[in-house]
Amino acid sequence: MVRKALILGELDTSATGTKPRETLTRIASLPGVKDAEYITGPHDFYLIAEVDNQEELSKIVTSLREMDGVRETMTCLVFPKKAKK
């Protein structure tokens, strides 16, 4: 079963010297990431991940947290719609 997650994140490129566009390009290229975009508000980017299991999602989150230019992440699991009766 494919599992989806919405991950919100904050960038911190000033300390690392990385450029935001380069960081988002690296984020978008992670296996399982289907979409990644800049957003406004308290977070700088979002991504949609589609994975087969919790272990694959954990790998994405770990990669993000270890990536230069990413300060913080928040993961929200997406639950499948209930089938109509």
PDB file of N, CA and C in Angstrom:
ATOM      1  N   MET A   1       0.835  -1.174   0.000  1.00  0.00           N
ATOM      2  CA  MET A   1       0.000   0.000   0.000  1.00  0.00           C
ATOM      3  C   MET A   1       0.886   1.247   0.000  1.00  0.00           C
ATOM      4  N   VAL A   2       0.591   2.168  -0.890  1.00  0.00           N
ATOM      5  CA  VAL A   2       1.350   3.418  -0.941  1.00  0.00           C
ATOM      6  C   VAL A   2       0.892   4.316   0.195  1.00  0.00           C
ATOM      7  N   ARG A   3       1.834   4.888   0.874  1.00  0.00           N
ATOM      8  CA  ARG A   3       1.542   5.822   1.956  1.00  0.00           C
ATOM      9  C   ARG A   3       2.015   7.198   1.535  1.00  0.00           C
ATOM     10  N   LYS A   4       1.236   8.201   1.881  1.00  0.00           N
ATOM     11  CA  LYS A   4       1.597   9.577   1.542  1.00  0.00           C
ATOM     12  C   LYS A   4       1.907  10.351   2.807  1.00  0.00           C
ATOM     13  N   ALA A   5       2.785  11.341   2.635  1.00  0.00           N
ATOM     14  CA  ALA A   5       3.098  12.251   3.728  1.00  0.00           C
ATOM     15  C   ALA A   5       3.321  13.643   3.158  1.00  0.00           C
ATOM     16  N   LEU A   6       2.899  14.628   3.915  1.00  0.00           N
ATOM     17  CA  LEU A   6       3.179  16.029   3.629  1.00  0.00           C
ATOM     18  C   LEU A   6       4.258  16.439   4.615  1.00  0.00           C
ATOM     19  N   ILE A   7       5.362  16.945   4.110  1.00  0.00           N
ATOM     20  CA  ILE A   7       6.439  17.387   4.984  1.00  0.00           C
ATOM     21  C   ILE A   7       6.655  18.875   4.755  1.00  0.00           C
ATOM     22  N   LEU A   8       6.585  19.634   5.839  1.00  0.00           N
ATOM     23  CA  LEU A   8       6.847  21.071   5.815  1.00  0.00           C
ATOM     24  C   LEU A   8       8.233  21.298   6.384  1.00  0.00           C
ATOM     25  N   GLY A   9       8.932  22.292   5.864  1.00  0.00           N
ATOM     26  CA  GLY A   9      10.280  22.523   6.363  1.00  0.00           C
ATOM     27  C   GLY A   9      10.706  23.970   6.319  1.00  0.00           C
ATOM     28  N   GLU A  10      11.735  24.247   7.088  1.00  0.00           N
ATOM     29  CA  GLU A  10      12.355  25.568   7.119  1.00  0.00           C
ATOM     30  C   GLU A  10      13.773  25.447   6.595  1.00  0.00           C
ATOM     31  N   LEU A  11      14.164  26.440   5.814  1.00  0.00           N
ATOM     32  CA  LEU A  11      15.519  26.477   5.281  1.00  0.00           C
ATOM     33  C   LEU A  11      16.395  27.351   6.153  1.00  0.00           C
ATOM     34  N   ASP A  12      17.675  27.052   6.185  1.00  0.00           N
ATOM     35  CA  ASP A  12      18.667  27.873   6.880  1.00  0.00           C
ATOM     36  C   ASP A  12      19.909  27.888   6.017  1.00  0.00           C
ATOM     37  N   THR A  13      19.875  28.699   4.998  1.00  0.00           N
ATOM     38  CA  THR A  13      20.983  28.705   4.052  1.00  0.00           C
ATOM     39  C   THR A  13      22.075  29.699   4.436  1.00  0.00           C
ATOM     40  N   SER A  14      21.789  30.606   5.339  1.00  0.00           N
ATOM     41  CA  SER A  14      22.800  31.605   5.702  1.00  0.00           C
ATOM     42  C   SER A  14      23.987  30.973   6.428  1.00  0.00           C
ATOM     43  N   ALA A  15      23.715  30.017   7.302  1.00  0.00           N
ATOM     44  CA  ALA A  15      24.793  29.395   8.073  1.00  0.00           C
ATOM     45  C   ALA A  15      25.627  28.439   7.231  1.00  0.00           C
ATOM     46  N   THR A  16      24.998  27.811   6.244  1.00  0.00           N
ATOM     47  CA  THR A  16      25.707  26.797   5.473  1.00  0.00           C
ATOM     48  C   THR A  16      26.278  27.330   4.165  1.00  0.00           C
ATOM     49  N   GLY A  17      25.799  28.494   3.730  1.00  0.00           N
ATOM     50  CA  GLY A  17      26.254  29.044   2.464  1.00  0.00           C
ATOM     51  C   GLY A  17      25.595  28.406   1.255  1.00  0.00           C
ATOM     52  N   THR A  18      24.624  27.525   1.486  1.00  0.00           N
ATOM     53  CA  THR A  18      23.932  26.907   0.366  1.00  0.00           C
ATOM     54  C   THR A  18      22.849  27.848  -0.143  1.00  0.00           C
ATOM     55  N   LYS A  19      22.521  27.717  -1.415  1.00  0.00           N
ATOM     56  CA  LYS A  19      21.485  28.546  -2.005  1.00  0.00           C
ATOM     57  C   LYS A  19      20.149  27.829  -1.881  1.00  0.00           C
ATOM     58  N   PRO A  20      19.074  28.571  -1.569  1.00  0.00           N
ATOM     59  CA  PRO A  20      17.761  27.936  -1.398  1.00  0.00           C
ATOM     60  C   PRO A  20      17.347  27.098  -2.605  1.00  0.00           C
ATOM     61  N   ARG A  21      17.576  27.586  -3.805  1.00  0.00           N
ATOM     62  CA  ARG A  21      17.168  26.845  -5.005  1.00  0.00           C
ATOM     63  C   ARG A  21      17.911  25.511  -5.097  1.00  0.00           C
ATOM     64  N   GLU A  22      19.204  25.516  -4.767  1.00  0.00           N
ATOM     65  CA  GLU A  22      19.981  24.266  -4.786  1.00  0.00           C
ATOM     66  C   GLU A  22      19.459  23.283  -3.743  1.00  0.00           C
ATOM     67  N   THR A  23      19.122  23.802  -2.570  1.00  0.00           N
ATOM     68  CA  THR A  23      18.602  22.945  -1.504  1.00  0.00           C
ATOM     69  C   THR A  23      17.274  22.323  -1.924  1.00  0.00           C
ATOM     70  N   LEU A  24      16.378  23.122  -2.503  1.00  0.00           N
ATOM     71  CA  LEU A  24      15.092  22.579  -2.928  1.00  0.00           C
ATOM     72  C   LEU A  24      15.258  21.570  -4.061  1.00  0.00           C
ATOM     73  N   THR A  25      16.225  21.790  -4.933  1.00  0.00           N
ATOM     74  CA  THR A  25      16.503  20.822  -6.005  1.00  0.00           C
ATOM     75  C   THR A  25      16.960  19.498  -5.419  1.00  0.00           C
ATOM     76  N   ARG A  26      17.814  19.545  -4.397  1.00  0.00           N
ATOM     77  CA  ARG A  26      18.256  18.305  -3.739  1.00  0.00           C
ATOM     78  C   ARG A  26      17.099  17.609  -3.043  1.00  0.00           C
ATOM     79  N   ILE A  27      16.227  18.396  -2.405  1.00  0.00           N
ATOM     80  CA  ILE A  27      15.058  17.826  -1.733  1.00  0.00           C
ATOM     81  C   ILE A  27      14.162  17.118  -2.743  1.00  0.00           C
ATOM     82  N   ALA A  28      13.898  17.773  -3.859  1.00  0.00           N
ATOM     83  CA  ALA A  28      13.010  17.218  -4.882  1.00  0.00           C
ATOM     84  C   ALA A  28      13.563  15.940  -5.509  1.00  0.00           C
ATOM     85  N   SER A  29      14.878  15.765  -5.452  1.00  0.00           N
ATOM     86  CA  SER A  29      15.490  14.591  -6.082  1.00  0.00           C
ATOM     87  C   SER A  29      15.558  13.370  -5.158  1.00  0.00           C
ATOM     88  N   LEU A  30      15.149  13.514  -3.906  1.00  0.00           N
ATOM     89  CA  LEU A  30      15.174  12.375  -2.988  1.00  0.00           C
ATOM     90  C   LEU A  30      14.197  11.294  -3.460  1.00  0.00           C
ATOM     91  N   PRO A  31      14.576  10.030  -3.375  1.00  0.00           N
ATOM     92  CA  PRO A  31      13.663   8.953  -3.755  1.00  0.00           C
ATOM     93  C   PRO A  31      12.371   9.024  -2.934  1.00  0.00           C
ATOM     94  N   GLY A  32      11.239   8.944  -3.607  1.00  0.00           N
ATOM     95  CA  GLY A  32       9.947   8.978  -2.933  1.00  0.00           C
ATOM     96  C   GLY A  32       9.306  10.344  -2.900  1.00  0.00           C
ATOM     97  N   VAL A  33      10.069  11.397  -3.200  1.00  0.00           N
ATOM     98  CA  VAL A  33       9.511  12.749  -3.203  1.00  0.00           C
ATOM     99  C   VAL A  33       8.834  12.990  -4.552  1.00  0.00           C
ATOM    100  N   LYS A  34       7.533  13.254  -4.518  1.00  0.00           N
ATOM    101  CA  LYS A  34       6.751  13.438  -5.745  1.00  0.00           C
ATOM    102  C   LYS A  34       6.612  14.905  -6.126  1.00  0.00           C
ATOM    103  N   ASP A  35       6.708  15.802  -5.150  1.00  0.00           N
ATOM    104  CA  ASP A  35       6.562  17.236  -5.416  1.00  0.00           C
ATOM    105  C   ASP A  35       7.252  17.993  -4.295  1.00  0.00           C
ATOM    106  N   ALA A  36       7.880  19.106  -4.629  1.00  0.00           N
ATOM    107  CA  ALA A  36       8.509  19.973  -3.627  1.00  0.00           C
ATOM    108  C   ALA A  36       8.465  21.394  -4.157  1.00  0.00           C
ATOM    109  N   GLU A  37       7.976  22.314  -3.336  1.00  0.00           N
ATOM    110  CA  GLU A  37       7.805  23.708  -3.749  1.00  0.00           C
ATOM    111  C   GLU A  37       8.084  24.644  -2.580  1.00  0.00           C
ATOM    112  N   TYR A  38       8.448  25.881  -2.931  1.00  0.00           N
ATOM    113  CA  TYR A  38       8.527  26.943  -1.932  1.00  0.00           C
ATOM    114  C   TYR A  38       7.110  27.343  -1.549  1.00  0.00           C
ATOM    115  N   ILE A  39       6.939  27.769  -0.286  1.00  0.00           N
ATOM    116  CA  ILE A  39       5.648  28.280   0.171  1.00  0.00           C
ATOM    117  C   ILE A  39       5.874  29.502   1.053  1.00  0.00           C
ATOM    118  N   THR A  40       4.804  30.242   1.304  1.00  0.00           N
ATOM    119  CA  THR A  40       4.881  31.366   2.226  1.00  0.00           C
ATOM    120  C   THR A  40       4.291  30.945   3.560  1.00  0.00           C
ATOM    121  N   GLY A  41       4.550  31.725   4.575  1.00  0.00           N
ATOM    122  CA  GLY A  41       4.035  31.418   5.905  1.00  0.00           C
ATOM    123  C   GLY A  41       5.163  30.994   6.827  1.00  0.00           C
ATOM    124  N   PRO A  42       4.839  30.258   7.883  1.00  0.00           N
ATOM    125  CA  PRO A  42       5.859  29.887   8.864  1.00  0.00           C
ATOM    126  C   PRO A  42       6.870  28.858   8.352  1.00  0.00           C
ATOM    127  N   HIS A  43       6.563  28.204   7.232  1.00  0.00           N
ATOM    128  CA  HIS A  43       7.486  27.231   6.651  1.00  0.00           C
ATOM    129  C   HIS A  43       7.952  27.737   5.288  1.00  0.00           C
ATOM    130  N   ASP A  44       9.107  27.244   4.845  1.00  0.00           N
ATOM    131  CA  ASP A  44       9.690  27.701   3.583  1.00  0.00           C
ATOM    132  C   ASP A  44       9.386  26.788   2.400  1.00  0.00           C
ATOM    133  N   PHE A  45       9.154  25.509   2.678  1.00  0.00           N
ATOM    134  CA  PHE A  45       8.870  24.576   1.594  1.00  0.00           C
ATOM    135  C   PHE A  45       7.948  23.468   2.072  1.00  0.00           C
ATOM    136  N   TYR A  46       7.339  22.806   1.101  1.00  0.00           N
ATOM    137  CA  TYR A  46       6.599  21.591   1.394  1.00  0.00           C
ATOM    138  C   TYR A  46       7.047  20.534   0.407  1.00  0.00           C
ATOM    139  N   LEU A  47       6.838  19.305   0.777  1.00  0.00           N
ATOM    140  CA  LEU A  47       7.029  18.220  -0.173  1.00  0.00           C
ATOM    141  C   LEU A  47       5.970  17.168   0.082  1.00  0.00           C
ATOM    142  N   ILE A  48       5.647  16.461  -0.984  1.00  0.00           N
ATOM    143  CA  ILE A  48       4.744  15.321  -0.908  1.00  0.00           C
ATOM    144  C   ILE A  48       5.592  14.082  -1.149  1.00  0.00           C
ATOM    145  N   ALA A  49       5.532  13.160  -0.218  1.00  0.00           N
ATOM    146  CA  ALA A  49       6.253  11.896  -0.357  1.00  0.00           C
ATOM    147  C   ALA A  49       5.240  10.770  -0.539  1.00  0.00           C
ATOM    148  N   GLU A  50       5.568   9.859  -1.424  1.00  0.00           N
ATOM    149  CA  GLU A  50       4.773   8.643  -1.606  1.00  0.00           C
ATOM    150  C   GLU A  50       5.726   7.469  -1.463  1.00  0.00           C
ATOM    151  N   VAL A  51       5.471   6.653  -0.445  1.00  0.00           N
ATOM    152  CA  VAL A  51       6.377   5.544  -0.125  1.00  0.00           C
ATOM    153  C   VAL A  51       5.581   4.264   0.088  1.00  0.00           C
ATOM    154  N   ASP A  52       6.269   3.140   0.042  1.00  0.00           N
ATOM    155  CA  ASP A  52       5.619   1.849   0.248  1.00  0.00           C
ATOM    156  C   ASP A  52       5.525   1.454   1.716  1.00  0.00           C
ATOM    157  N   ASN A  53       6.397   2.038   2.545  1.00  0.00           N
ATOM    158  CA  ASN A  53       6.379   1.635   3.952  1.00  0.00           C
ATOM    159  C   ASN A  53       6.998   2.729   4.824  1.00  0.00           C
ATOM    160  N   GLN A  54       6.880   2.542   6.123  1.00  0.00           N
ATOM    161  CA  GLN A  54       7.360   3.522   7.096  1.00  0.00           C
ATOM    162  C   GLN A  54       8.873   3.695   7.021  1.00  0.00           C
ATOM    163  N   GLU A  55       9.583   2.642   6.707  1.00  0.00           N
ATOM    164  CA  GLU A  55      11.042   2.708   6.621  1.00  0.00           C
ATOM    165  C   GLU A  55      11.483   3.684   5.514  1.00  0.00           C
ATOM    166  N   GLU A  56      10.804   3.652   4.368  1.00  0.00           N
ATOM    167  CA  GLU A  56      11.143   4.572   3.280  1.00  0.00           C
ATOM    168  C   GLU A  56      10.861   6.014   3.681  1.00  0.00           C
ATOM    169  N   LEU A  57       9.768   6.248   4.403  1.00  0.00           N
ATOM    170  CA  LEU A  57       9.466   7.594   4.872  1.00  0.00           C
ATOM    171  C   LEU A  57      10.521   8.051   5.866  1.00  0.00           C
ATOM    172  N   SER A  58      10.939   7.163   6.732  1.00  0.00           N
ATOM    173  CA  SER A  58      11.983   7.486   7.704  1.00  0.00           C
ATOM    174  C   SER A  58      13.286   7.886   7.008  1.00  0.00           C
ATOM    175  N   LYS A  59      13.606   7.230   5.910  1.00  0.00           N
ATOM    176  CA  LYS A  59      14.819   7.571   5.154  1.00  0.00           C
ATOM    177  C   LYS A  59      14.738   8.985   4.582  1.00  0.00           C
ATOM    178  N   ILE A  60      13.558   9.361   4.084  1.00  0.00           N
ATOM    179  CA  ILE A  60      13.380  10.716   3.554  1.00  0.00           C
ATOM    180  C   ILE A  60      13.560  11.740   4.664  1.00  0.00           C
ATOM    181  N   VAL A  61      12.897  11.515   5.790  1.00  0.00           N
ATOM    182  CA  VAL A  61      12.978  12.459   6.910  1.00  0.00           C
ATOM    183  C   VAL A  61      14.410  12.567   7.416  1.00  0.00           C
ATOM    184  N   THR A  62      15.099  11.449   7.546  1.00  0.00           N
ATOM    185  CA  THR A  62      16.493  11.465   7.997  1.00  0.00           C
ATOM    186  C   THR A  62      17.370  12.225   7.011  1.00  0.00           C
ATOM    187  N   SER A  63      17.172  11.988   5.721  1.00  0.00           N
ATOM    188  CA  SER A  63      17.949  12.702   4.697  1.00  0.00           C
ATOM    189  C   SER A  63      17.720  14.205   4.785  1.00  0.00           C
ATOM    190  N   LEU A  64      16.476  14.610   5.000  1.00  0.00           N
ATOM    191  CA  LEU A  64      16.171  16.036   5.122  1.00  0.00           C
ATOM    192  C   LEU A  64      16.860  16.644   6.332  1.00  0.00           C
ATOM    193  N   ARG A  65      16.775  15.968   7.447  1.00  0.00           N
ATOM    194  CA  ARG A  65      17.344  16.513   8.691  1.00  0.00           C
ATOM    195  C   ARG A  65      18.868  16.585   8.656  1.00  0.00           C
ATOM    196  N   GLU A  66      19.485  15.750   7.821  1.00  0.00           N
ATOM    197  CA  GLU A  66      20.950  15.770   7.694  1.00  0.00           C
ATOM    198  C   GLU A  66      21.429  16.680   6.568  1.00  0.00           C
ATOM    199  N   MET A  67      20.510  17.206   5.769  1.00  0.00           N
ATOM    200  CA  MET A  67      20.865  17.996   4.602  1.00  0.00           C
ATOM    201  C   MET A  67      21.271  19.420   4.986  1.00  0.00           C
ATOM    202  N   ASP A  68      22.417  19.869   4.465  1.00  0.00           N
ATOM    203  CA  ASP A  68      22.822  21.256   4.664  1.00  0.00           C
ATOM    204  C   ASP A  68      21.759  22.170   4.070  1.00  0.00           C
ATOM    205  N   GLY A  69      21.372  23.179   4.818  1.00  0.00           N
ATOM    206  CA  GLY A  69      20.392  24.142   4.345  1.00  0.00           C
ATOM    207  C   GLY A  69      18.989  23.892   4.851  1.00  0.00           C
ATOM    208  N   VAL A  70      18.744  22.739   5.475  1.00  0.00           N
ATOM    209  CA  VAL A  70      17.429  22.448   6.054  1.00  0.00           C
ATOM    210  C   VAL A  70      17.551  22.565   7.566  1.00  0.00           C
ATOM    211  N   ARG A  71      16.744  23.452   8.133  1.00  0.00           N
ATOM    212  CA  ARG A  71      16.819  23.692   9.574  1.00  0.00           C
ATOM    213  C   ARG A  71      15.866  22.798  10.354  1.00  0.00           C
ATOM    214  N   GLU A  72      14.642  22.660   9.871  1.00  0.00           N
ATOM    215  CA  GLU A  72      13.625  21.960  10.658  1.00  0.00           C
ATOM    216  C   GLU A  72      12.594  21.356   9.717  1.00  0.00           C
ATOM    217  N   THR A  73      11.991  20.240  10.136  1.00  0.00           N
ATOM    218  CA  THR A  73      10.921  19.630   9.351  1.00  0.00           C
ATOM    219  C   THR A  73       9.762  19.234  10.254  1.00  0.00           C
ATOM    220  N   MET A  74       8.585  19.139   9.637  1.00  0.00           N
ATOM    221  CA  MET A  74       7.400  18.653  10.326  1.00  0.00           C
ATOM    222  C   MET A  74       6.690  17.705   9.362  1.00  0.00           C
ATOM    223  N   THR A  75       6.489  16.477   9.787  1.00  0.00           N
ATOM    224  CA  THR A  75       5.890  15.458   8.931  1.00  0.00           C
ATOM    225  C   THR A  75       4.442  15.224   9.324  1.00  0.00           C
ATOM    226  N   CYS A  76       3.569  15.260   8.319  1.00  0.00           N
ATOM    227  CA  CYS A  76       2.138  14.995   8.517  1.00  0.00           C
ATOM    228  C   CYS A  76       1.762  13.813   7.638  1.00  0.00           C
ATOM    229  N   LEU A  77       1.270  12.750   8.235  1.00  0.00           N
ATOM    230  CA  LEU A  77       0.824  11.596   7.461  1.00  0.00           C
ATOM    231  C   LEU A  77      -0.515  11.907   6.807  1.00  0.00           C
ATOM    232  N   VAL A  78      -0.694  11.446   5.582  1.00  0.00           N
ATOM    233  CA  VAL A  78      -1.941  11.631   4.850  1.00  0.00           C
ATOM    234  C   VAL A  78      -2.695  10.309   4.900  1.00  0.00           C
ATOM    235  N   PHE A  79      -3.904  10.342   5.428  1.00  0.00           N
ATOM    236  CA  PHE A  79      -4.710   9.133   5.540  1.00  0.00           C
ATOM    237  C   PHE A  79      -5.566   8.969   4.297  1.00  0.00           C
ATOM    238  N   PRO A  80      -5.736   7.731   3.862  1.00  0.00           N
ATOM    239  CA  PRO A  80      -6.548   7.508   2.668  1.00  0.00           C
ATOM    240  C   PRO A  80      -8.008   7.883   2.924  1.00  0.00           C
ATOM    241  N   LYS A  81      -8.677   8.280   1.856  1.00  0.00           N
ATOM    242  CA  LYS A  81     -10.105   8.594   1.962  1.00  0.00           C
ATOM    243  C   LYS A  81     -10.873   7.326   2.280  1.00  0.00           C
ATOM    244  N   LYS A  82     -11.914   7.487   3.044  1.00  0.00           N
ATOM    245  CA  LYS A  82     -12.793   6.349   3.335  1.00  0.00           C
ATOM    246  C   LYS A  82     -13.634   6.060   2.101  1.00  0.00           C
ATOM    247  N   ALA A  83     -13.796   4.814   1.800  1.00  0.00           N
ATOM    248  CA  ALA A  83     -14.660   4.445   0.684  1.00  0.00           C
ATOM    249  C   ALA A  83     -16.098   4.764   1.025  1.00  0.00           C
ATOM    250  N   LYS A  84     -16.814   5.319   0.051  1.00  0.00           N
ATOM    251  CA  LYS A  84     -18.237   5.634   0.274  1.00  0.00           C
ATOM    252  C   LYS A  84     -19.037   4.341   0.269  1.00  0.00           C
ATOM    253  N   LYS A  85     -20.009   4.283   1.157  1.00  0.00           N
ATOM    254  CA  LYS A  85     -20.872   3.095   1.246  1.00  0.00           C
ATOM    255  C   LYS A  85     -22.059   3.215   0.324  1.00  0.00           C
TER     256      LYS A  85
END
